Amino acid sequence: MAVKIRMQRGGATHNPHYRVVVTDSRSPRDGRFVEKVGTYDPKNKDASKHINLNLERIDYWVSVGAKPSDTVRSLIKKARKGAVEVEAPAVKAEAAPVAKAEAPAAEVAETVAAEAPAEKAAE
């Protein structure tokens, strides 16, 4: 399977917005893709928000054989130059530690033992 990194067009007429995607070269331009690795918004008034790429993922895909299109290659070059903000990889927030009850194990064992006969009597 030949893998490409290319742009997928979205947006309205005269207002383009592109996704930079990793896809099989045989799939249509706006069709199926393997992974979204960034966006390109040429009409955005804020110049720092034109290109938004996850360079770590792009480097991974290039290392396993994906070929970027000419346009995507130039976007990557601009992003590496530092002229653009680069999307930081998503970091999963760790869950806060759950506070455990401060009851000693002996008290817990007594409570369980005391409740067990009452449940059998109720049956």
PDB file of N, CA and C in Angstrom:
ATOM      1  N   MET A   1       0.852  -1.171   0.000  1.00  0.00           N
ATOM      2  CA  MET A   1       0.000   0.000   0.000  1.00  0.00           C
ATOM      3  C   MET A   1       0.897   1.234   0.000  1.00  0.00           C
ATOM      4  N   ALA A   2       0.720   2.108  -0.979  1.00  0.00           N
ATOM      5  CA  ALA A   2       1.480   3.358  -1.058  1.00  0.00           C
ATOM      6  C   ALA A   2       0.757   4.410  -0.219  1.00  0.00           C
ATOM      7  N   VAL A   3       1.451   4.936   0.780  1.00  0.00           N
ATOM      8  CA  VAL A   3       0.844   5.900   1.691  1.00  0.00           C
ATOM      9  C   VAL A   3       1.333   7.299   1.347  1.00  0.00           C
ATOM     10  N   LYS A   4       0.387   8.251   1.311  1.00  0.00           N
ATOM     11  CA  LYS A   4       0.692   9.643   0.982  1.00  0.00           C
ATOM     12  C   LYS A   4       0.244  10.544   2.128  1.00  0.00           C
ATOM     13  N   ILE A   5       0.921  11.672   2.250  1.00  0.00           N
ATOM     14  CA  ILE A   5       0.463  12.730   3.144  1.00  0.00           C
ATOM     15  C   ILE A   5       0.021  13.846   2.211  1.00  0.00           C
ATOM     16  N   ARG A   6      -1.270  14.143   2.225  1.00  0.00           N
ATOM     17  CA  ARG A   6      -1.796  15.139   1.300  1.00  0.00           C
ATOM     18  C   ARG A   6      -2.929  15.928   1.944  1.00  0.00           C
ATOM     19  N   MET A   7      -3.428  16.919   1.188  1.00  0.00           N
ATOM     20  CA  MET A   7      -4.475  17.781   1.715  1.00  0.00           C
ATOM     21  C   MET A   7      -5.843  17.316   1.240  1.00  0.00           C
ATOM     22  N   GLN A   8      -6.832  17.477   2.128  1.00  0.00           N
ATOM     23  CA  GLN A   8      -8.209  17.126   1.838  1.00  0.00           C
ATOM     24  C   GLN A   8      -9.022  18.415   1.947  1.00  0.00           C
ATOM     25  N   ARG A   9      -9.701  18.805   0.866  1.00  0.00           N
ATOM     26  CA  ARG A   9     -10.377  20.104   0.837  1.00  0.00           C
ATOM     27  C   ARG A   9     -11.717  20.057   1.549  1.00  0.00           C
ATOM     28  N   GLY A  10     -11.981  21.128   2.276  1.00  0.00           N
ATOM     29  CA  GLY A  10     -13.265  21.316   2.932  1.00  0.00           C
ATOM     30  C   GLY A  10     -13.628  22.785   2.813  1.00  0.00           C
ATOM     31  N   GLY A  11     -14.652  23.213   3.511  1.00  0.00           N
ATOM     32  CA  GLY A  11     -15.035  24.617   3.468  1.00  0.00           C
ATOM     33  C   GLY A  11     -16.018  24.897   2.350  1.00  0.00           C
ATOM     34  N   ALA A  12     -16.377  26.163   2.226  1.00  0.00           N
ATOM     35  CA  ALA A  12     -17.371  26.580   1.241  1.00  0.00           C
ATOM     36  C   ALA A  12     -16.693  27.079  -0.033  1.00  0.00           C
ATOM     37  N   THR A  13     -17.515  27.436  -1.023  1.00  0.00           N
ATOM     38  CA  THR A  13     -17.007  28.008  -2.257  1.00  0.00           C
ATOM     39  C   THR A  13     -16.274  29.307  -1.943  1.00  0.00           C
ATOM     40  N   HIS A  14     -15.111  29.492  -2.495  1.00  0.00           N
ATOM     41  CA  HIS A  14     -14.257  30.661  -2.293  1.00  0.00           C
ATOM     42  C   HIS A  14     -13.790  30.831  -0.845  1.00  0.00           C
ATOM     43  N   ASN A  15     -13.954  29.797  -0.031  1.00  0.00           N
ATOM     44  CA  ASN A  15     -13.495  29.839   1.362  1.00  0.00           C
ATOM     45  C   ASN A  15     -12.920  28.466   1.719  1.00  0.00           C
ATOM     46  N   PRO A  16     -11.769  28.126   1.145  1.00  0.00           N
ATOM     47  CA  PRO A  16     -11.236  26.780   1.362  1.00  0.00           C
ATOM     48  C   PRO A  16     -10.663  26.588   2.762  1.00  0.00           C
ATOM     49  N   HIS A  17     -10.728  25.366   3.214  1.00  0.00           N
ATOM     50  CA  HIS A  17     -10.120  24.932   4.466  1.00  0.00           C
ATOM     51  C   HIS A  17      -9.631  23.516   4.209  1.00  0.00           C
ATOM     52  N   TYR A  18      -8.400  23.219   4.568  1.00  0.00           N
ATOM     53  CA  TYR A  18      -7.821  21.918   4.240  1.00  0.00           C
ATOM     54  C   TYR A  18      -7.422  21.157   5.490  1.00  0.00           C
ATOM     55  N   ARG A  19      -7.586  19.839   5.435  1.00  0.00           N
ATOM     56  CA  ARG A  19      -7.028  18.946   6.442  1.00  0.00           C
ATOM     57  C   ARG A  19      -5.792  18.313   5.828  1.00  0.00           C
ATOM     58  N   VAL A  20      -4.748  18.165   6.601  1.00  0.00           N
ATOM     59  CA  VAL A  20      -3.569  17.433   6.145  1.00  0.00           C
ATOM     60  C   VAL A  20      -3.739  16.020   6.690  1.00  0.00           C
ATOM     61  N   VAL A  21      -3.838  15.047   5.773  1.00  0.00           N
ATOM     62  CA  VAL A  21      -4.148  13.681   6.174  1.00  0.00           C
ATOM     63  C   VAL A  21      -3.134  12.686   5.613  1.00  0.00           C
ATOM     64  N   VAL A  22      -3.039  11.552   6.290  1.00  0.00           N
ATOM     65  CA  VAL A  22      -2.259  10.420   5.805  1.00  0.00           C
ATOM     66  C   VAL A  22      -3.275   9.463   5.202  1.00  0.00           C
ATOM     67  N   THR A  23      -3.062   9.083   3.935  1.00  0.00           N
ATOM     68  CA  THR A  23      -4.053   8.265   3.241  1.00  0.00           C
ATOM     69  C   THR A  23      -3.389   7.319   2.255  1.00  0.00           C
ATOM     70  N   ASP A  24      -4.131   6.316   1.847  1.00  0.00           N
ATOM     71  CA  ASP A  24      -3.694   5.419   0.782  1.00  0.00           C
ATOM     72  C   ASP A  24      -3.765   6.212  -0.523  1.00  0.00           C
ATOM     73  N   SER A  25      -2.766   6.069  -1.355  1.00  0.00           N
ATOM     74  CA  SER A  25      -2.712   6.871  -2.583  1.00  0.00           C
ATOM     75  C   SER A  25      -3.857   6.554  -3.537  1.00  0.00           C
ATOM     76  N   ARG A  26      -4.485   5.393  -3.399  1.00  0.00           N
ATOM     77  CA  ARG A  26      -5.572   5.012  -4.302  1.00  0.00           C
ATOM     78  C   ARG A  26      -6.914   5.600  -3.903  1.00  0.00           C
ATOM     79  N   SER A  27      -7.049   6.105  -2.682  1.00  0.00           N
ATOM     80  CA  SER A  27      -8.336   6.651  -2.251  1.00  0.00           C
ATOM     81  C   SER A  27      -8.536   8.057  -2.819  1.00  0.00           C
ATOM     82  N   PRO A  28      -9.806   8.485  -3.008  1.00  0.00           N
ATOM     83  CA  PRO A  28     -10.074   9.794  -3.586  1.00  0.00           C
ATOM     84  C   PRO A  28      -9.573  10.936  -2.695  1.00  0.00           C
ATOM     85  N   ARG A  29      -9.438  12.118  -3.285  1.00  0.00           N
ATOM     86  CA  ARG A  29      -8.878  13.270  -2.580  1.00  0.00           C
ATOM     87  C   ARG A  29      -9.616  13.566  -1.279  1.00  0.00           C
ATOM     88  N   ASP A  30     -10.941  13.596  -1.323  1.00  0.00           N
ATOM     89  CA  ASP A  30     -11.723  13.916  -0.134  1.00  0.00           C
ATOM     90  C   ASP A  30     -12.314  12.669   0.510  1.00  0.00           C
ATOM     91  N   GLY A  31     -11.745  11.515   0.215  1.00  0.00           N
ATOM     92  CA  GLY A  31     -12.280  10.256   0.721  1.00  0.00           C
ATOM     93  C   GLY A  31     -11.630   9.788   2.015  1.00  0.00           C
ATOM     94  N   ARG A  32     -11.530   8.479   2.115  1.00  0.00           N
ATOM     95  CA  ARG A  32     -10.999   7.836   3.315  1.00  0.00           C
ATOM     96  C   ARG A  32      -9.581   8.266   3.629  1.00  0.00           C
ATOM     97  N   PHE A  33      -9.252   8.299   4.917  1.00  0.00           N
ATOM     98  CA  PHE A  33      -7.880   8.574   5.313  1.00  0.00           C
ATOM     99  C   PHE A  33      -7.534   7.757   6.547  1.00  0.00           C
ATOM    100  N   VAL A  34      -6.242   7.616   6.794  1.00  0.00           N
ATOM    101  CA  VAL A  34      -5.768   6.826   7.918  1.00  0.00           C
ATOM    102  C   VAL A  34      -5.706   7.678   9.180  1.00  0.00           C
ATOM    103  N   GLU A  35      -5.144   8.894   9.051  1.00  0.00           N
ATOM    104  CA  GLU A  35      -4.983   9.755  10.220  1.00  0.00           C
ATOM    105  C   GLU A  35      -4.936  11.222   9.791  1.00  0.00           C
ATOM    106  N   LYS A  36      -5.555  12.078  10.588  1.00  0.00           N
ATOM    107  CA  LYS A  36      -5.483  13.523  10.363  1.00  0.00           C
ATOM    108  C   LYS A  36      -4.277  14.041  11.144  1.00  0.00           C
ATOM    109  N   VAL A  37      -3.352  14.715  10.452  1.00  0.00           N
ATOM    110  CA  VAL A  37      -2.134  15.182  11.108  1.00  0.00           C
ATOM    111  C   VAL A  37      -2.024  16.702  11.145  1.00  0.00           C
ATOM    112  N   GLY A  38      -3.043  17.426  10.686  1.00  0.00           N
ATOM    113  CA  GLY A  38      -2.998  18.874  10.769  1.00  0.00           C
ATOM    114  C   GLY A  38      -4.045  19.542   9.911  1.00  0.00           C
ATOM    115  N   THR A  39      -3.988  20.876   9.909  1.00  0.00           N
ATOM    116  CA  THR A  39      -4.915  21.663   9.108  1.00  0.00           C
ATOM    117  C   THR A  39      -4.166  22.804   8.426  1.00  0.00           C
ATOM    118  N   TYR A  40      -4.779  23.328   7.372  1.00  0.00           N
ATOM    119  CA  TYR A  40      -4.250  24.487   6.653  1.00  0.00           C
ATOM    120  C   TYR A  40      -5.429  25.375   6.304  1.00  0.00           C
ATOM    121  N   ASP A  41      -5.407  26.608   6.790  1.00  0.00           N
ATOM    122  CA  ASP A  41      -6.488  27.559   6.546  1.00  0.00           C
ATOM    123  C   ASP A  41      -5.900  28.807   5.905  1.00  0.00           C
ATOM    124  N   PRO A  42      -5.869  28.860   4.564  1.00  0.00           N
ATOM    125  CA  PRO A  42      -5.214  29.975   3.886  1.00  0.00           C
ATOM    126  C   PRO A  42      -5.937  31.310   4.036  1.00  0.00           C
ATOM    127  N   LYS A  43      -7.222  31.325   4.355  1.00  0.00           N
ATOM    128  CA  LYS A  43      -8.002  32.561   4.441  1.00  0.00           C
ATOM    129  C   LYS A  43      -8.059  33.140   5.852  1.00  0.00           C
ATOM    130  N   ASN A  44      -7.456  32.484   6.820  1.00  0.00           N
ATOM    131  CA  ASN A  44      -7.495  32.959   8.200  1.00  0.00           C
ATOM    132  C   ASN A  44      -6.760  34.296   8.305  1.00  0.00           C
ATOM    133  N   LYS A  45      -7.383  35.272   8.949  1.00  0.00           N
ATOM    134  CA  LYS A  45      -6.786  36.605   9.054  1.00  0.00           C
ATOM    135  C   LYS A  45      -5.559  36.613   9.971  1.00  0.00           C
ATOM    136  N   ASP A  46      -5.531  35.725  10.953  1.00  0.00           N
ATOM    137  CA  ASP A  46      -4.386  35.612  11.858  1.00  0.00           C
ATOM    138  C   ASP A  46      -3.340  34.714  11.192  1.00  0.00           C
ATOM    139  N   ALA A  47      -2.227  35.309  10.774  1.00  0.00           N
ATOM    140  CA  ALA A  47      -1.206  34.566  10.019  1.00  0.00           C
ATOM    141  C   ALA A  47      -0.616  33.409  10.804  1.00  0.00           C
ATOM    142  N   SER A  48      -0.618  33.504  12.127  1.00  0.00           N
ATOM    143  CA  SER A  48      -0.026  32.422  12.920  1.00  0.00           C
ATOM    144  C   SER A  48      -0.924  31.185  12.961  1.00  0.00           C
ATOM    145  N   LYS A  49      -2.175  31.315  12.514  1.00  0.00           N
ATOM    146  CA  LYS A  49      -3.102  30.182  12.539  1.00  0.00           C
ATOM    147  C   LYS A  49      -3.354  29.586  11.157  1.00  0.00           C
ATOM    148  N   HIS A  50      -2.562  29.961  10.162  1.00  0.00           N
ATOM    149  CA  HIS A  50      -2.720  29.407   8.818  1.00  0.00           C
ATOM    150  C   HIS A  50      -2.417  27.918   8.806  1.00  0.00           C
ATOM    151  N   ILE A  51      -1.309  27.536   9.407  1.00  0.00           N
ATOM    152  CA  ILE A  51      -0.850  26.145   9.370  1.00  0.00           C
ATOM    153  C   ILE A  51      -0.817  25.594  10.781  1.00  0.00           C
ATOM    154  N   ASN A  52      -1.404  24.425  10.950  1.00  0.00           N
ATOM    155  CA  ASN A  52      -1.432  23.762  12.248  1.00  0.00           C
ATOM    156  C   ASN A  52      -1.088  22.296  12.011  1.00  0.00           C
ATOM    157  N   LEU A  53       0.162  21.901  12.282  1.00  0.00           N
ATOM    158  CA  LEU A  53       0.619  20.548  11.979  1.00  0.00           C
ATOM    159  C   LEU A  53       1.146  19.845  13.219  1.00  0.00           C
ATOM    160  N   ASN A  54       0.939  18.539  13.273  1.00  0.00           N
ATOM    161  CA  ASN A  54       1.532  17.708  14.318  1.00  0.00           C
ATOM    162  C   ASN A  54       2.793  17.089  13.712  1.00  0.00           C
ATOM    163  N   LEU A  55       3.921  17.762  13.871  1.00  0.00           N
ATOM    164  CA  LEU A  55       5.166  17.350  13.214  1.00  0.00           C
ATOM    165  C   LEU A  55       5.680  16.006  13.711  1.00  0.00           C
ATOM    166  N   GLU A  56       5.391  15.654  14.957  1.00  0.00           N
ATOM    167  CA  GLU A  56       5.830  14.351  15.471  1.00  0.00           C
ATOM    168  C   GLU A  56       5.189  13.211  14.685  1.00  0.00           C
ATOM    169  N   ARG A  57       3.889  13.318  14.433  1.00  0.00           N
ATOM    170  CA  ARG A  57       3.190  12.270  13.680  1.00  0.00           C
ATOM    171  C   ARG A  57       3.627  12.269  12.218  1.00  0.00           C
ATOM    172  N   ILE A  58       3.863  13.449  11.655  1.00  0.00           N
ATOM    173  CA  ILE A  58       4.329  13.517  10.273  1.00  0.00           C
ATOM    174  C   ILE A  58       5.692  12.852  10.154  1.00  0.00           C
ATOM    175  N   ASP A  59       6.583  13.122  11.108  1.00  0.00           N
ATOM    176  CA  ASP A  59       7.905  12.476  11.102  1.00  0.00           C
ATOM    177  C   ASP A  59       7.774  10.957  11.193  1.00  0.00           C
ATOM    178  N   TYR A  60       6.841  10.488  12.021  1.00  0.00           N
ATOM    179  CA  TYR A  60       6.638   9.042  12.132  1.00  0.00           C
ATOM    180  C   TYR A  60       6.213   8.455  10.790  1.00  0.00           C
ATOM    181  N   TRP A  61       5.211   9.079  10.161  1.00  0.00           N
ATOM    182  CA  TRP A  61       4.699   8.526   8.900  1.00  0.00           C
ATOM    183  C   TRP A  61       5.746   8.573   7.799  1.00  0.00           C
ATOM    184  N   VAL A  62       6.543   9.631   7.764  1.00  0.00           N
ATOM    185  CA  VAL A  62       7.614   9.699   6.770  1.00  0.00           C
ATOM    186  C   VAL A  62       8.643   8.609   7.043  1.00  0.00           C
ATOM    187  N   SER A  63       8.899   8.319   8.330  1.00  0.00           N
ATOM    188  CA  SER A  63       9.879   7.279   8.669  1.00  0.00           C
ATOM    189  C   SER A  63       9.419   5.886   8.258  1.00  0.00           C
ATOM    190  N   VAL A  64       8.124   5.657   8.173  1.00  0.00           N
ATOM    191  CA  VAL A  64       7.628   4.351   7.753  1.00  0.00           C
ATOM    192  C   VAL A  64       7.283   4.302   6.267  1.00  0.00           C
ATOM    193  N   GLY A  65       7.625   5.379   5.526  1.00  0.00           N
ATOM    194  CA  GLY A  65       7.512   5.317   4.077  1.00  0.00           C
ATOM    195  C   GLY A  65       6.473   6.190   3.419  1.00  0.00           C
ATOM    196  N   ALA A  66       5.760   7.024   4.168  1.00  0.00           N
ATOM    197  CA  ALA A  66       4.758   7.899   3.551  1.00  0.00           C
ATOM    198  C   ALA A  66       5.447   9.016   2.778  1.00  0.00           C
ATOM    199  N   LYS A  67       4.887   9.362   1.625  1.00  0.00           N
ATOM    200  CA  LYS A  67       5.447  10.406   0.774  1.00  0.00           C
ATOM    201  C   LYS A  67       4.544  11.634   0.830  1.00  0.00           C
ATOM    202  N   PRO A  68       5.054  12.783   1.297  1.00  0.00           N
ATOM    203  CA  PRO A  68       4.220  13.997   1.294  1.00  0.00           C
ATOM    204  C   PRO A  68       4.089  14.561  -0.115  1.00  0.00           C
ATOM    205  N   SER A  69       2.933  15.173  -0.400  1.00  0.00           N
ATOM    206  CA  SER A  69       2.755  15.842  -1.691  1.00  0.00           C
ATOM    207  C   SER A  69       3.636  17.088  -1.699  1.00  0.00           C
ATOM    208  N   ASP A  70       3.806  17.690  -2.857  1.00  0.00           N
ATOM    209  CA  ASP A  70       4.653  18.877  -2.966  1.00  0.00           C
ATOM    210  C   ASP A  70       4.153  20.011  -2.069  1.00  0.00           C
ATOM    211  N   THR A  71       2.846  20.229  -2.064  1.00  0.00           N
ATOM    212  CA  THR A  71       2.273  21.302  -1.261  1.00  0.00           C
ATOM    213  C   THR A  71       2.462  21.030   0.231  1.00  0.00           C
ATOM    214  N   VAL A  72       2.214  19.803   0.639  1.00  0.00           N
ATOM    215  CA  VAL A  72       2.387  19.452   2.051  1.00  0.00           C
ATOM    216  C   VAL A  72       3.852  19.560   2.443  1.00  0.00           C
ATOM    217  N   ARG A  73       4.744  19.189   1.547  1.00  0.00           N
ATOM    218  CA  ARG A  73       6.181  19.314   1.825  1.00  0.00           C
ATOM    219  C   ARG A  73       6.539  20.767   2.111  1.00  0.00           C
ATOM    220  N   SER A  74       5.975  21.703   1.340  1.00  0.00           N
ATOM    221  CA  SER A  74       6.264  23.116   1.568  1.00  0.00           C
ATOM    222  C   SER A  74       5.648  23.607   2.883  1.00  0.00           C
ATOM    223  N   LEU A  75       4.468  23.090   3.247  1.00  0.00           N
ATOM    224  CA  LEU A  75       3.859  23.463   4.522  1.00  0.00           C
ATOM    225  C   LEU A  75       4.706  22.966   5.699  1.00  0.00           C
ATOM    226  N   ILE A  76       5.227  21.750   5.569  1.00  0.00           N
ATOM    227  CA  ILE A  76       6.082  21.189   6.619  1.00  0.00           C
ATOM    228  C   ILE A  76       7.344  22.036   6.760  1.00  0.00           C
ATOM    229  N   LYS A  77       7.891  22.438   5.632  1.00  0.00           N
ATOM    230  CA  LYS A  77       9.101  23.264   5.642  1.00  0.00           C
ATOM    231  C   LYS A  77       8.841  24.594   6.355  1.00  0.00           C
ATOM    232  N   LYS A  78       7.687  25.222   6.078  1.00  0.00           N
ATOM    233  CA  LYS A  78       7.329  26.475   6.739  1.00  0.00           C
ATOM    234  C   LYS A  78       7.128  26.269   8.236  1.00  0.00           C
ATOM    235  N   ALA A  79       6.497  25.157   8.602  1.00  0.00           N
ATOM    236  CA  ALA A  79       6.254  24.876  10.019  1.00  0.00           C
ATOM    237  C   ALA A  79       7.566  24.657  10.765  1.00  0.00           C
ATOM    238  N   ARG A  80       8.512  23.970  10.139  1.00  0.00           N
ATOM    239  CA  ARG A  80       9.809  23.727  10.776  1.00  0.00           C
ATOM    240  C   ARG A  80      10.629  25.007  10.890  1.00  0.00           C
ATOM    241  N   LYS A  81      10.416  25.916   9.961  1.00  0.00           N
ATOM    242  CA  LYS A  81      11.155  27.173   9.964  1.00  0.00           C
ATOM    243  C   LYS A  81      10.811  28.007  11.192  1.00  0.00           C
ATOM    244  N   GLY A  82       9.656  27.748  11.766  1.00  0.00           N
ATOM    245  CA  GLY A  82       9.253  28.470  12.957  1.00  0.00           C
ATOM    246  C   GLY A  82       8.348  29.641  12.675  1.00  0.00           C
ATOM    247  N   ALA A  83       7.934  29.789  11.441  1.00  0.00           N
ATOM    248  CA  ALA A  83       7.057  30.897  11.083  1.00  0.00           C
ATOM    249  C   ALA A  83       5.627  30.642  11.514  1.00  0.00           C
ATOM    250  N   VAL A  84       5.338  29.423  11.961  1.00  0.00           N
ATOM    251  CA  VAL A  84       3.976  29.062  12.277  1.00  0.00           C
ATOM    252  C   VAL A  84       3.914  28.356  13.616  1.00  0.00           C
ATOM    253  N   GLU A  85       2.733  28.434  14.236  1.00  0.00           N
ATOM    254  CA  GLU A  85       2.506  27.685  15.465  1.00  0.00           C
ATOM    255  C   GLU A  85       2.338  26.220  15.096  1.00  0.00           C
ATOM    256  N   VAL A  86       2.934  25.352  15.897  1.00  0.00           N
ATOM    257  CA  VAL A  86       2.840  23.923  15.646  1.00  0.00           C
ATOM    258  C   VAL A  86       1.963  23.314  16.710  1.00  0.00           C
ATOM    259  N   GLU A  87       1.054  22.438  16.280  1.00  0.00           N
ATOM    260  CA  GLU A  87       0.134  21.792  17.199  1.00  0.00           C
ATOM    261  C   GLU A  87       0.909  20.886  18.141  1.00  0.00           C
ATOM    262  N   ALA A  88       0.666  21.045  19.414  1.00  0.00           N
ATOM    263  CA  ALA A  88       1.304  20.180  20.398  1.00  0.00           C
ATOM    264  C   ALA A  88       0.562  18.854  20.416  1.00  0.00           C
ATOM    265  N   PRO A  89       1.269  17.756  20.607  1.00  0.00           N
ATOM    266  CA  PRO A  89       0.580  16.476  20.660  1.00  0.00           C
ATOM    267  C   PRO A  89      -0.362  16.428  21.857  1.00  0.00           C
ATOM    268  N   ALA A  90      -1.458  15.731  21.670  1.00  0.00           N
ATOM    269  CA  ALA A  90      -2.449  15.632  22.742  1.00  0.00           C
ATOM    270  C   ALA A  90      -1.858  14.874  23.922  1.00  0.00           C
ATOM    271  N   VAL A  91      -2.001  15.449  25.105  1.00  0.00           N
ATOM    272  CA  VAL A  91      -1.502  14.812  26.321  1.00  0.00           C
ATOM    273  C   VAL A  91      -2.707  14.427  27.150  1.00  0.00           C
ATOM    274  N   LYS A  92      -2.765  13.168  27.514  1.00  0.00           N
ATOM    275  CA  LYS A  92      -3.886  12.701  28.317  1.00  0.00           C
ATOM    276  C   LYS A  92      -3.692  13.151  29.758  1.00  0.00           C
ATOM    277  N   ALA A  93      -4.740  13.714  30.327  1.00  0.00           N
ATOM    278  CA  ALA A  93      -4.683  14.136  31.724  1.00  0.00           C
ATOM    279  C   ALA A  93      -4.825  12.906  32.611  1.00  0.00           C
ATOM    280  N   GLU A  94      -3.984  12.824  33.609  1.00  0.00           N
ATOM    281  CA  GLU A  94      -4.065  11.689  34.521  1.00  0.00           C
ATOM    282  C   GLU A  94      -5.181  11.943  35.516  1.00  0.00           C
ATOM    283  N   ALA A  95      -5.852  10.876  35.906  1.00  0.00           N
ATOM    284  CA  ALA A  95      -6.937  10.987  36.861  1.00  0.00           C
ATOM    285  C   ALA A  95      -6.367  11.313  38.234  1.00  0.00           C
ATOM    286  N   ALA A  96      -7.113  12.101  38.983  1.00  0.00           N
ATOM    287  CA  ALA A  96      -6.680  12.447  40.336  1.00  0.00           C
ATOM    288  C   ALA A  96      -6.739  11.200  41.207  1.00  0.00           C
ATOM    289  N   PRO A  97      -5.786  11.036  42.130  1.00  0.00           N
ATOM    290  CA  PRO A  97      -5.810   9.854  42.979  1.00  0.00           C
ATOM    291  C   PRO A  97      -7.054   9.846  43.847  1.00  0.00           C
ATOM    292  N   VAL A  98      -7.632   8.678  44.007  1.00  0.00           N
ATOM    293  CA  VAL A  98      -8.846   8.521  44.795  1.00  0.00           C
ATOM    294  C   VAL A  98      -8.438   8.340  46.256  1.00  0.00           C
ATOM    295  N   ALA A  99      -9.064   9.123  47.123  1.00  0.00           N
ATOM    296  CA  ALA A  99      -8.752   9.022  48.552  1.00  0.00           C
ATOM    297  C   ALA A  99      -9.368   7.746  49.101  1.00  0.00           C
ATOM    298  N   LYS A 100      -8.566   6.961  49.812  1.00  0.00           N
ATOM    299  CA  LYS A 100      -9.049   5.714  50.399  1.00  0.00           C
ATOM    300  C   LYS A 100      -9.523   5.983  51.819  1.00  0.00           C
ATOM    301  N   ALA A 101     -10.432   5.176  52.275  1.00  0.00           N
ATOM    302  CA  ALA A 101     -10.923   5.309  53.642  1.00  0.00           C
ATOM    303  C   ALA A 101      -9.780   5.008  54.606  1.00  0.00           C
ATOM    304  N   GLU A 102      -9.792   5.699  55.716  1.00  0.00           N
ATOM    305  CA  GLU A 102      -8.720   5.553  56.684  1.00  0.00           C
ATOM    306  C   GLU A 102      -9.019   4.468  57.714  1.00  0.00           C
ATOM    307  N   ALA A 103      -9.988   3.610  57.460  1.00  0.00           N
ATOM    308  CA  ALA A 103     -10.337   2.565  58.423  1.00  0.00           C
ATOM    309  C   ALA A 103      -9.285   1.465  58.418  1.00  0.00           C
ATOM    310  N   PRO A 104      -8.852   1.039  59.600  1.00  0.00           N
ATOM    311  CA  PRO A 104      -7.889  -0.062  59.670  1.00  0.00           C
ATOM    312  C   PRO A 104      -8.518  -1.357  59.164  1.00  0.00           C
ATOM    313  N   ALA A 105      -7.688  -2.269  58.699  1.00  0.00           N
ATOM    314  CA  ALA A 105      -8.158  -3.533  58.127  1.00  0.00           C
ATOM    315  C   ALA A 105      -8.933  -4.362  59.139  1.00  0.00           C
ATOM    316  N   ALA A 106      -8.550  -4.307  60.387  1.00  0.00           N
ATOM    317  CA  ALA A 106      -9.235  -5.095  61.419  1.00  0.00           C
ATOM    318  C   ALA A 106     -10.682  -4.633  61.569  1.00  0.00           C
ATOM    319  N   GLU A 107     -10.928  -3.314  61.554  1.00  0.00           N
ATOM    320  CA  GLU A 107     -12.293  -2.795  61.676  1.00  0.00           C
ATOM    321  C   GLU A 107     -13.140  -3.216  60.485  1.00  0.00           C
ATOM    322  N   VAL A 108     -12.550  -3.205  59.306  1.00  0.00           N
ATOM    323  CA  VAL A 108     -13.278  -3.599  58.097  1.00  0.00           C
ATOM    324  C   VAL A 108     -13.660  -5.070  58.190  1.00  0.00           C
ATOM    325  N   ALA A 109     -12.736  -5.914  58.626  1.00  0.00           N
ATOM    326  CA  ALA A 109     -13.009  -7.350  58.747  1.00  0.00           C
ATOM    327  C   ALA A 109     -14.114  -7.592  59.759  1.00  0.00           C
ATOM    328  N   GLU A 110     -14.126  -6.859  60.903  1.00  0.00           N
ATOM    329  CA  GLU A 110     -15.173  -7.019  61.911  1.00  0.00           C
ATOM    330  C   GLU A 110     -16.530  -6.620  61.346  1.00  0.00           C
ATOM    331  N   THR A 111     -16.561  -5.537  60.584  1.00  0.00           N
ATOM    332  CA  THR A 111     -17.815  -5.052  60.013  1.00  0.00           C
ATOM    333  C   THR A 111     -18.380  -6.066  59.025  1.00  0.00           C
ATOM    334  N   VAL A 112     -17.529  -6.639  58.211  1.00  0.00           N
ATOM    335  CA  VAL A 112     -17.974  -7.635  57.231  1.00  0.00           C
ATOM    336  C   VAL A 112     -18.480  -8.877  57.943  1.00  0.00           C
ATOM    337  N   ALA A 113     -17.768  -9.315  58.953  1.00  0.00           N
ATOM    338  CA  ALA A 113     -18.163 -10.510  59.699  1.00  0.00           C
ATOM    339  C   ALA A 113     -19.484 -10.283  60.420  1.00  0.00           C
ATOM    340  N   ALA A 114     -19.723  -9.099  60.940  1.00  0.00           N
ATOM    341  CA  ALA A 114     -20.957  -8.806  61.657  1.00  0.00           C
ATOM    342  C   ALA A 114     -22.139  -8.748  60.699  1.00  0.00           C
ATOM    343  N   GLU A 115     -21.955  -8.291  59.490  1.00  0.00           N
ATOM    344  CA  GLU A 115     -23.044  -8.172  58.524  1.00  0.00           C
ATOM    345  C   GLU A 115     -23.396  -9.505  57.886  1.00  0.00           C
ATOM    346  N   ALA A 116     -22.459 -10.417  57.770  1.00  0.00           N
ATOM    347  CA  ALA A 116     -22.677 -11.686  57.075  1.00  0.00           C
ATOM    348  C   ALA A 116     -23.787 -12.515  57.720  1.00  0.00           C
ATOM    349  N   PRO A 117     -23.811 -12.772  59.055  1.00  0.00           N
ATOM    350  CA  PRO A 117     -24.895 -13.575  59.637  1.00  0.00           C
ATOM    351  C   PRO A 117     -26.261 -12.911  59.491  1.00  0.00           C
ATOM    352  N   ALA A 118     -26.310 -11.588  59.524  1.00  0.00           N
ATOM    353  CA  ALA A 118     -27.585 -10.891  59.395  1.00  0.00           C
ATOM    354  C   ALA A 118     -28.173 -11.106  58.003  1.00  0.00           C
ATOM    355  N   GLU A 119     -27.341 -11.157  56.987  1.00  0.00           N
ATOM    356  CA  GLU A 119     -27.821 -11.376  55.634  1.00  0.00           C
ATOM    357  C   GLU A 119     -28.353 -12.793  55.472  1.00  0.00           C
ATOM    358  N   LYS A 120     -27.680 -13.791  56.095  1.00  0.00           N
ATOM    359  CA  LYS A 120     -28.147 -15.177  55.986  1.00  0.00           C
ATOM    360  C   LYS A 120     -29.467 -15.358  56.712  1.00  0.00           C
ATOM    361  N   ALA A 121     -29.660 -14.670  57.822  1.00  0.00           N
ATOM    362  CA  ALA A 121     -30.895 -14.778  58.590  1.00  0.00           C
ATOM    363  C   ALA A 121     -32.057 -14.172  57.801  1.00  0.00           C
ATOM    364  N   ALA A 122     -31.790 -13.160  57.031  1.00  0.00           N
ATOM    365  CA  ALA A 122     -32.833 -12.503  56.256  1.00  0.00           C
ATOM    366  C   ALA A 122     -33.312 -13.377  55.106  1.00  0.00           C
ATOM    367  N   GLU A 123     -32.487 -14.299  54.645  1.00  0.00           N
ATOM    368  CA  GLU A 123     -32.861 -15.167  53.515  1.00  0.00           C
ATOM    369  C   GLU A 123     -33.801 -16.196  53.990  1.00  0.00           C
TER     370      GLU A 123
END
